[in-house]
Amino acid sequence: MKIKLFQILMCGVAAFCISCDTSNNTALEQKLNEIGDNQKVLLKKIENMDKSIANLTLAVKSKPADNKKQQQPPQADPNKVYNIEIGDSYIHGAKDAKVTIIEWMDFQ
């Protein structure tokens, strides 16, 4: 019984040692080298993009500020009074009120 157990244990240890063979890792090393090279290429591209963004921000900052004033729409006058004809619409409240709220709906 002890001999059978010892033989099984030795076969297991031998299988474990064979599976841990690290002498044939060239494919893994090649893949790791490719990943490292790709990472270097990506880092260079990111660096170039950072430089171009910095150049663009410098170019935008150096433009005159007059363009911003011309592109803004005119400010609305809060004191302007709009006269809207009510016609024969339904009215709730006094006809000569100082404030008129109109609700318009389009049912199609």
Protein backbone atom coordinates (compact mmCIF):
# COMPACT_ATOMS: atom_id res chain seq x y z
CA MET A 1 0.00 0.00 0.00
CA LYS A 2 2.81 2.38 0.91
CA ILE A 3 4.63 1.52 -2.28
CA LYS A 4 1.59 2.33 -4.45
CA LEU A 5 1.09 5.61 -2.63
CA PHE A 6 4.78 6.47 -3.10
CA GLN A 7 4.61 5.63 -6.84
CA ILE A 8 1.53 7.83 -7.32
CA LEU A 9 3.21 10.65 -5.43
CA MET A 10 6.37 10.38 -7.56
CA CYS A 11 4.33 10.35 -10.78
CA GLY A 12 2.54 13.50 -9.60
CA VAL A 13 5.81 15.25 -8.75
CA ALA A 14 7.27 14.28 -12.14
CA ALA A 15 4.20 15.61 -13.97
CA PHE A 16 4.39 18.83 -11.99
CA CYS A 17 8.09 19.29 -12.82
CA ILE A 18 7.49 18.65 -16.51
CA SER A 19 4.62 21.14 -16.64
CA CYS A 20 6.79 23.81 -15.02
CA ASP A 21 9.37 23.72 -17.81
CA THR A 22 10.35 27.36 -18.39
CA SER A 23 12.92 26.82 -21.09
CA ASN A 24 10.48 27.42 -23.99
CA ASN A 25 9.18 30.94 -23.28
CA THR A 26 10.31 32.57 -26.52
CA ALA A 27 6.75 33.04 -27.81
CA LEU A 28 5.72 34.68 -24.54
CA GLU A 29 8.78 36.94 -24.59
CA GLN A 30 8.03 37.96 -28.18
CA LYS A 31 4.47 38.89 -27.27
CA LEU A 32 5.68 40.92 -24.30
CA ASN A 33 8.21 42.73 -26.50
CA GLU A 34 5.48 43.52 -29.05
CA ILE A 35 3.25 44.90 -26.30
CA GLY A 36 6.13 47.03 -25.01
CA ASP A 37 6.85 48.37 -28.49
CA ASN A 38 3.18 49.18 -29.08
CA GLN A 39 3.05 50.95 -25.73
CA LYS A 40 6.05 53.10 -26.70
CA VAL A 41 4.37 54.03 -29.99
CA LEU A 42 1.17 54.99 -28.18
CA LEU A 43 3.07 57.09 -25.66
CA LYS A 44 4.81 58.98 -28.49
CA LYS A 45 1.45 59.63 -30.18
CA ILE A 46 -0.03 60.91 -26.92
CA GLU A 47 2.97 63.18 -26.42
CA ASN A 48 2.55 64.59 -29.94
CA MET A 49 -1.15 65.16 -29.30
CA ASP A 50 -0.36 67.00 -26.07
CA LYS A 51 2.08 69.24 -27.93
CA SER A 52 -0.46 70.02 -30.67
CA ILE A 53 -3.13 70.81 -28.07
CA ALA A 54 -0.72 73.14 -26.29
CA ASN A 55 0.04 74.88 -29.61
CA LEU A 56 -3.68 75.26 -30.34
CA THR A 57 -4.38 76.79 -26.95
CA LEU A 58 -1.52 79.26 -27.48
CA ALA A 59 -2.93 80.16 -30.90
CA VAL A 60 -6.42 80.68 -29.48
CA LYS A 61 -5.13 82.81 -26.62
CA SER A 62 -3.16 85.03 -28.99
CA LYS A 63 -6.25 85.92 -31.10
CA PRO A 64 -7.84 89.29 -30.41
CA ALA A 65 -10.84 89.36 -28.10
CA ASP A 66 -12.90 91.55 -30.49
CA ASN A 67 -14.29 88.47 -32.24
CA LYS A 68 -16.06 87.38 -29.05
CA LYS A 69 -17.90 90.69 -28.77
CA GLN A 70 -19.10 90.53 -32.37
CA GLN A 71 -20.44 86.98 -32.05
CA GLN A 72 -22.64 87.61 -28.99
CA PRO A 73 -26.33 88.25 -29.68
CA PRO A 74 -27.80 91.54 -28.48
CA GLN A 75 -29.12 91.60 -24.93
CA ALA A 76 -32.91 91.45 -24.46
CA ASP A 77 -34.60 94.52 -22.95
CA PRO A 78 -36.51 93.39 -19.82
CA ASN A 79 -38.64 96.56 -19.84
CA LYS A 80 -40.05 96.09 -23.33
CA VAL A 81 -43.85 95.83 -23.53
CA TYR A 82 -45.41 93.48 -26.07
CA ASN A 83 -48.94 94.23 -27.24
CA ILE A 84 -50.77 91.06 -28.23
CA GLU A 85 -54.32 91.10 -29.53
CA ILE A 86 -56.54 88.74 -27.59
CA GLY A 87 -59.40 88.80 -30.09
CA ASP A 88 -62.39 86.65 -29.14
CA SER A 89 -60.35 84.29 -26.92
CA TYR A 90 -61.53 83.16 -23.50
CA ILE A 91 -60.64 85.72 -20.81
CA HIS A 92 -60.49 85.08 -17.09
CA GLY A 93 -60.25 88.20 -14.92
CA ALA A 94 -60.38 91.92 -15.59
CA LYS A 95 -60.07 93.10 -19.20
CA ASP A 96 -57.96 96.13 -18.25
CA ALA A 97 -55.44 94.25 -16.05
CA LYS A 98 -51.84 95.51 -15.96
CA VAL A 99 -50.46 92.01 -16.56
CA THR A 100 -51.89 89.56 -19.07
CA ILE A 101 -50.78 85.95 -19.17
CA ILE A 102 -51.50 84.18 -22.43
CA GLU A 103 -51.39 80.41 -22.76
CA TRP A 104 -51.23 79.22 -26.34
CA MET A 105 -51.67 75.60 -27.37
CA ASP A 106 -51.75 73.97 -30.76
CA PHE A 107 -53.86 70.83 -30.89
CA GLN A 108 -53.41 69.10 -34.19
